[in-house]
Amino acid sequence: MMKKTNRYNAGLAKARKRKYRLKKKLLKKDLMTPRDIRRWQKEAGFETQKEAADALGISIATFQDMSRGISRNSGKAVVIDKRTALACAALLHGLEPYGKKNSEE
């Protein structure tokens, strides 16, 4: 006889499926993953998620969703877009925003 699945377990199963689909989609598109953004935060030397979010110019809630890979509002998978990935790379390498005047001029 099989045990009945309660709502909590059903919710976990759905979240796992969404996470698997997101991972599959990200690998296919070669986009930044939640693991990548957490690694970037550590490599860039941001101790808190707030510091990292401020550096990227996004809210802490958005950064947390990206770190988890799942939106806390809708429960859907969060895809980290190419602009965010490029901004992370630029910050990691110490690049200034395009068009910012040098202090020497």
N, C-alpha and C. Protein backbone atom coordinates (compact mmCIF):
# COMPACT_ATOMS: atom_id res chain seq x y z
N MET A 1 0.84 -1.18 0.00
CA MET A 1 0.00 0.00 0.00
C MET A 1 0.89 1.24 0.00
N MET A 2 0.62 2.18 -0.89
CA MET A 2 1.41 3.40 -0.99
C MET A 2 0.92 4.45 0.00
N LYS A 3 1.85 5.23 0.51
CA LYS A 3 1.49 6.31 1.42
C LYS A 3 0.95 7.48 0.63
N LYS A 4 0.01 8.19 1.24
CA LYS A 4 -0.50 9.39 0.60
C LYS A 4 0.56 10.48 0.70
N THR A 5 0.70 11.23 -0.35
CA THR A 5 1.66 12.33 -0.35
C THR A 5 0.96 13.56 0.20
N ASN A 6 1.56 14.18 1.20
CA ASN A 6 0.94 15.39 1.73
C ASN A 6 1.32 16.59 0.88
N ARG A 7 0.71 17.72 1.14
CA ARG A 7 0.95 18.91 0.33
C ARG A 7 2.40 19.37 0.38
N TYR A 8 3.03 19.24 1.52
CA TYR A 8 4.43 19.66 1.65
C TYR A 8 5.32 18.87 0.70
N ASN A 9 5.17 17.55 0.70
CA ASN A 9 5.98 16.71 -0.18
C ASN A 9 5.66 16.97 -1.65
N ALA A 10 4.39 17.23 -1.94
CA ALA A 10 4.00 17.54 -3.32
C ALA A 10 4.65 18.85 -3.76
N GLY A 11 4.70 19.83 -2.87
CA GLY A 11 5.35 21.11 -3.17
C GLY A 11 6.83 20.94 -3.42
N LEU A 12 7.47 20.11 -2.61
CA LEU A 12 8.90 19.84 -2.79
C LEU A 12 9.16 19.16 -4.13
N ALA A 13 8.30 18.23 -4.47
CA ALA A 13 8.47 17.52 -5.74
C ALA A 13 8.35 18.49 -6.91
N LYS A 14 7.38 19.41 -6.84
CA LYS A 14 7.22 20.41 -7.91
C LYS A 14 8.44 21.31 -8.00
N ALA A 15 8.96 21.73 -6.85
CA ALA A 15 10.15 22.60 -6.83
C ALA A 15 11.35 21.88 -7.44
N ARG A 16 11.50 20.61 -7.13
CA ARG A 16 12.61 19.83 -7.69
C ARG A 16 12.49 19.72 -9.21
N LYS A 17 11.27 19.50 -9.68
CA LYS A 17 11.05 19.41 -11.12
C LYS A 17 11.39 20.73 -11.80
N ARG A 18 10.94 21.85 -11.20
CA ARG A 18 11.25 23.16 -11.77
C ARG A 18 12.75 23.39 -11.79
N LYS A 19 13.42 23.01 -10.71
CA LYS A 19 14.87 23.19 -10.63
C LYS A 19 15.56 22.36 -11.70
N TYR A 20 15.11 21.13 -11.91
CA TYR A 20 15.70 20.27 -12.93
C TYR A 20 15.49 20.87 -14.31
N ARG A 21 14.26 21.35 -14.60
CA ARG A 21 13.98 21.96 -15.89
C ARG A 21 14.83 23.20 -16.11
N LEU A 22 14.99 24.02 -15.06
CA LEU A 22 15.81 25.22 -15.17
C LEU A 22 17.26 24.83 -15.48
N LYS A 23 17.78 23.85 -14.75
CA LYS A 23 19.16 23.42 -14.96
C LYS A 23 19.35 22.93 -16.39
N LYS A 24 18.40 22.17 -16.88
CA LYS A 24 18.47 21.66 -18.24
C LYS A 24 18.43 22.80 -19.26
N LYS A 25 17.56 23.78 -19.00
CA LYS A 25 17.42 24.93 -19.89
C LYS A 25 18.70 25.78 -19.87
N LEU A 26 19.27 25.97 -18.69
CA LEU A 26 20.47 26.79 -18.57
C LEU A 26 21.66 26.13 -19.25
N LEU A 27 21.79 24.84 -19.10
CA LEU A 27 22.89 24.14 -19.74
C LEU A 27 22.77 24.24 -21.26
N LYS A 28 21.54 24.21 -21.74
CA LYS A 28 21.31 24.29 -23.16
C LYS A 28 21.68 25.68 -23.69
N LYS A 29 21.32 26.72 -22.96
CA LYS A 29 21.55 28.09 -23.40
C LYS A 29 22.90 28.65 -22.97
N ASP A 30 23.60 27.93 -22.14
CA ASP A 30 24.90 28.38 -21.64
C ASP A 30 24.78 29.71 -20.90
N LEU A 31 23.78 29.82 -20.02
CA LEU A 31 23.56 31.02 -19.22
C LEU A 31 24.15 30.85 -17.84
N MET A 32 24.19 31.94 -17.11
CA MET A 32 24.68 31.93 -15.73
C MET A 32 23.67 31.18 -14.85
N THR A 33 24.17 30.32 -13.98
CA THR A 33 23.32 29.54 -13.09
C THR A 33 23.33 30.16 -11.69
N PRO A 34 22.39 29.76 -10.83
CA PRO A 34 22.42 30.23 -9.44
C PRO A 34 23.75 29.90 -8.75
N ARG A 35 24.31 28.75 -9.04
CA ARG A 35 25.60 28.38 -8.46
C ARG A 35 26.69 29.36 -8.91
N ASP A 36 26.63 29.76 -10.20
CA ASP A 36 27.60 30.71 -10.73
C ASP A 36 27.52 32.06 -10.03
N ILE A 37 26.31 32.53 -9.77
CA ILE A 37 26.18 33.86 -9.15
C ILE A 37 26.64 33.82 -7.69
N ARG A 38 26.41 32.70 -7.02
CA ARG A 38 26.92 32.57 -5.64
C ARG A 38 28.45 32.52 -5.63
N ARG A 39 29.02 31.82 -6.61
CA ARG A 39 30.48 31.75 -6.73
C ARG A 39 31.06 33.12 -7.07
N TRP A 40 30.38 33.87 -7.96
CA TRP A 40 30.82 35.21 -8.31
C TRP A 40 30.84 36.11 -7.08
N GLN A 41 29.81 36.02 -6.26
CA GLN A 41 29.73 36.84 -5.05
C GLN A 41 30.95 36.59 -4.16
N LYS A 42 31.31 35.34 -4.00
CA LYS A 42 32.45 34.97 -3.17
C LYS A 42 33.77 35.46 -3.79
N GLU A 43 33.94 35.22 -5.10
CA GLU A 43 35.17 35.62 -5.78
C GLU A 43 35.35 37.13 -5.83
N ALA A 44 34.24 37.86 -5.95
CA ALA A 44 34.31 39.32 -6.02
C ALA A 44 34.53 39.94 -4.64
N GLY A 45 34.39 39.15 -3.59
CA GLY A 45 34.66 39.63 -2.24
C GLY A 45 33.49 40.30 -1.56
N PHE A 46 32.29 40.07 -2.04
CA PHE A 46 31.11 40.64 -1.38
C PHE A 46 30.70 39.71 -0.25
N GLU A 47 30.74 40.23 0.97
CA GLU A 47 30.45 39.39 2.14
C GLU A 47 28.95 39.13 2.28
N THR A 48 28.12 40.09 1.87
CA THR A 48 26.69 39.92 2.01
C THR A 48 26.01 39.99 0.65
N GLN A 49 24.82 39.44 0.61
CA GLN A 49 24.04 39.52 -0.63
C GLN A 49 23.65 40.96 -0.92
N LYS A 50 23.46 41.76 0.11
CA LYS A 50 23.11 43.17 -0.08
C LYS A 50 24.23 43.91 -0.80
N GLU A 51 25.47 43.67 -0.41
CA GLU A 51 26.61 44.31 -1.08
C GLU A 51 26.65 43.92 -2.56
N ALA A 52 26.44 42.64 -2.84
CA ALA A 52 26.48 42.16 -4.22
C ALA A 52 25.33 42.76 -5.03
N ALA A 53 24.15 42.81 -4.44
CA ALA A 53 22.99 43.38 -5.12
C ALA A 53 23.20 44.86 -5.41
N ASP A 54 23.75 45.60 -4.45
CA ASP A 54 24.03 47.02 -4.66
C ASP A 54 25.04 47.23 -5.78
N ALA A 55 26.05 46.39 -5.85
CA ALA A 55 27.06 46.50 -6.90
C ALA A 55 26.45 46.27 -8.28
N LEU A 56 25.47 45.37 -8.36
CA LEU A 56 24.82 45.09 -9.64
C LEU A 56 23.69 46.07 -9.95
N GLY A 57 23.27 46.83 -8.94
CA GLY A 57 22.18 47.78 -9.15
C GLY A 57 20.81 47.13 -9.16
N ILE A 58 20.66 46.04 -8.40
CA ILE A 58 19.38 45.35 -8.30
C ILE A 58 18.98 45.26 -6.84
N SER A 59 17.73 44.90 -6.59
CA SER A 59 17.26 44.77 -5.21
C SER A 59 17.81 43.49 -4.58
N ILE A 60 17.83 43.49 -3.26
CA ILE A 60 18.31 42.30 -2.54
C ILE A 60 17.40 41.12 -2.82
N ALA A 61 16.09 41.37 -2.94
CA ALA A 61 15.13 40.29 -3.21
C ALA A 61 15.41 39.65 -4.58
N THR A 62 15.71 40.47 -5.56
CA THR A 62 16.03 39.95 -6.90
C THR A 62 17.30 39.12 -6.85
N PHE A 63 18.30 39.62 -6.12
CA PHE A 63 19.56 38.87 -6.01
C PHE A 63 19.33 37.53 -5.30
N GLN A 64 18.50 37.54 -4.26
CA GLN A 64 18.21 36.29 -3.54
C GLN A 64 17.49 35.29 -4.44
N ASP A 65 16.56 35.79 -5.25
CA ASP A 65 15.87 34.91 -6.20
C ASP A 65 16.86 34.30 -7.18
N MET A 66 17.80 35.12 -7.67
CA MET A 66 18.81 34.62 -8.60
C MET A 66 19.70 33.58 -7.92
N SER A 67 20.03 33.81 -6.67
CA SER A 67 20.89 32.88 -5.93
C SER A 67 20.20 31.54 -5.69
N ARG A 68 18.89 31.59 -5.50
CA ARG A 68 18.11 30.36 -5.28
C ARG A 68 17.74 29.68 -6.59
N GLY A 69 17.48 30.51 -7.61
CA GLY A 69 17.05 29.97 -8.89
C GLY A 69 15.56 29.84 -9.02
N ILE A 70 14.84 30.21 -7.96
CA ILE A 70 13.38 30.12 -7.96
C ILE A 70 12.82 31.40 -7.37
N SER A 71 11.82 31.97 -8.02
CA SER A 71 11.18 33.19 -7.54
C SER A 71 10.38 32.89 -6.28
N ARG A 72 10.52 33.74 -5.28
CA ARG A 72 9.77 33.51 -4.05
C ARG A 72 8.31 33.89 -4.20
N ASN A 73 7.98 34.73 -5.18
CA ASN A 73 6.59 35.16 -5.40
C ASN A 73 5.80 34.14 -6.22
N SER A 74 6.34 33.74 -7.35
CA SER A 74 5.59 32.86 -8.25
C SER A 74 6.01 31.39 -8.13
N GLY A 75 7.19 31.15 -7.61
CA GLY A 75 7.69 29.77 -7.53
C GLY A 75 8.26 29.27 -8.84
N LYS A 76 8.32 30.16 -9.83
CA LYS A 76 8.85 29.77 -11.14
C LYS A 76 10.36 29.92 -11.16
N ALA A 77 10.97 29.25 -12.11
CA ALA A 77 12.42 29.31 -12.25
C ALA A 77 12.85 30.71 -12.67
N VAL A 78 13.95 31.18 -12.11
CA VAL A 78 14.51 32.48 -12.44
C VAL A 78 15.70 32.26 -13.36
N VAL A 79 15.68 32.95 -14.48
CA VAL A 79 16.79 32.86 -15.42
C VAL A 79 17.63 34.13 -15.28
N ILE A 80 18.92 33.96 -15.09
CA ILE A 80 19.84 35.09 -14.96
C ILE A 80 20.22 35.51 -16.37
N ASP A 81 19.82 36.71 -16.75
CA ASP A 81 20.01 37.15 -18.12
C ASP A 81 21.47 37.48 -18.43
N LYS A 82 21.73 37.65 -19.71
CA LYS A 82 23.09 37.88 -20.19
C LYS A 82 23.66 39.20 -19.67
N ARG A 83 22.80 40.22 -19.52
CA ARG A 83 23.27 41.51 -19.01
C ARG A 83 23.83 41.38 -17.60
N THR A 84 23.14 40.61 -16.76
CA THR A 84 23.62 40.41 -15.39
C THR A 84 24.93 39.64 -15.39
N ALA A 85 25.02 38.63 -16.24
CA ALA A 85 26.26 37.84 -16.33
C ALA A 85 27.42 38.73 -16.78
N LEU A 86 27.18 39.59 -17.75
CA LEU A 86 28.23 40.51 -18.22
C LEU A 86 28.60 41.53 -17.15
N ALA A 87 27.61 42.02 -16.41
CA ALA A 87 27.88 42.97 -15.33
C ALA A 87 28.73 42.30 -14.24
N CYS A 88 28.43 41.04 -13.94
CA CYS A 88 29.22 40.31 -12.94
C CYS A 88 30.67 40.19 -13.40
N ALA A 89 30.87 39.85 -14.67
CA ALA A 89 32.23 39.72 -15.22
C ALA A 89 32.96 41.06 -15.17
N ALA A 90 32.27 42.14 -15.53
CA ALA A 90 32.90 43.47 -15.52
C ALA A 90 33.30 43.87 -14.11
N LEU A 91 32.42 43.64 -13.14
CA LEU A 91 32.74 43.99 -11.75
C LEU A 91 33.90 43.14 -11.22
N LEU A 92 33.92 41.88 -11.59
CA LEU A 92 34.98 40.99 -11.15
C LEU A 92 36.35 41.45 -11.65
N HIS A 93 36.37 42.01 -12.85
CA HIS A 93 37.62 42.47 -13.46
C HIS A 93 37.89 43.96 -13.26
N GLY A 94 37.07 44.61 -12.43
CA GLY A 94 37.31 46.00 -12.07
C GLY A 94 37.01 47.02 -13.15
N LEU A 95 36.15 46.68 -14.09
CA LEU A 95 35.82 47.62 -15.16
C LEU A 95 34.82 48.66 -14.67
N GLU A 96 34.96 49.86 -15.16
CA GLU A 96 34.03 50.95 -14.85
C GLU A 96 32.90 50.94 -15.87
N PRO A 97 31.75 51.51 -15.52
CA PRO A 97 30.65 51.60 -16.49
C PRO A 97 31.08 52.36 -17.74
N TYR A 98 30.58 51.95 -18.88
CA TYR A 98 30.91 52.59 -20.14
C TYR A 98 30.45 54.04 -20.11
N GLY A 99 31.31 54.94 -20.57
CA GLY A 99 30.97 56.35 -20.62
C GLY A 99 31.35 57.12 -19.38
N LYS A 100 31.79 56.45 -18.34
CA LYS A 100 32.19 57.13 -17.12
C LYS A 100 33.53 57.83 -17.38
N LYS A 101 33.61 59.09 -17.03
CA LYS A 101 34.82 59.89 -17.28
C LYS A 101 35.94 59.46 -16.34
N ASN A 102 37.14 59.39 -16.87
CA ASN A 102 38.31 59.09 -16.05
C ASN A 102 38.65 60.33 -15.20
N SER A 103 39.21 60.10 -14.05
CA SER A 103 39.57 61.23 -13.17
C SER A 103 40.76 62.01 -13.71
N GLU A 104 41.50 61.43 -14.67
CA GLU A 104 42.67 62.09 -15.25
C GLU A 104 42.28 63.17 -16.25
N GLU A 105 41.11 63.07 -16.85
CA GLU A 105 40.71 64.03 -17.90
C GLU A 105 40.20 65.30 -17.33
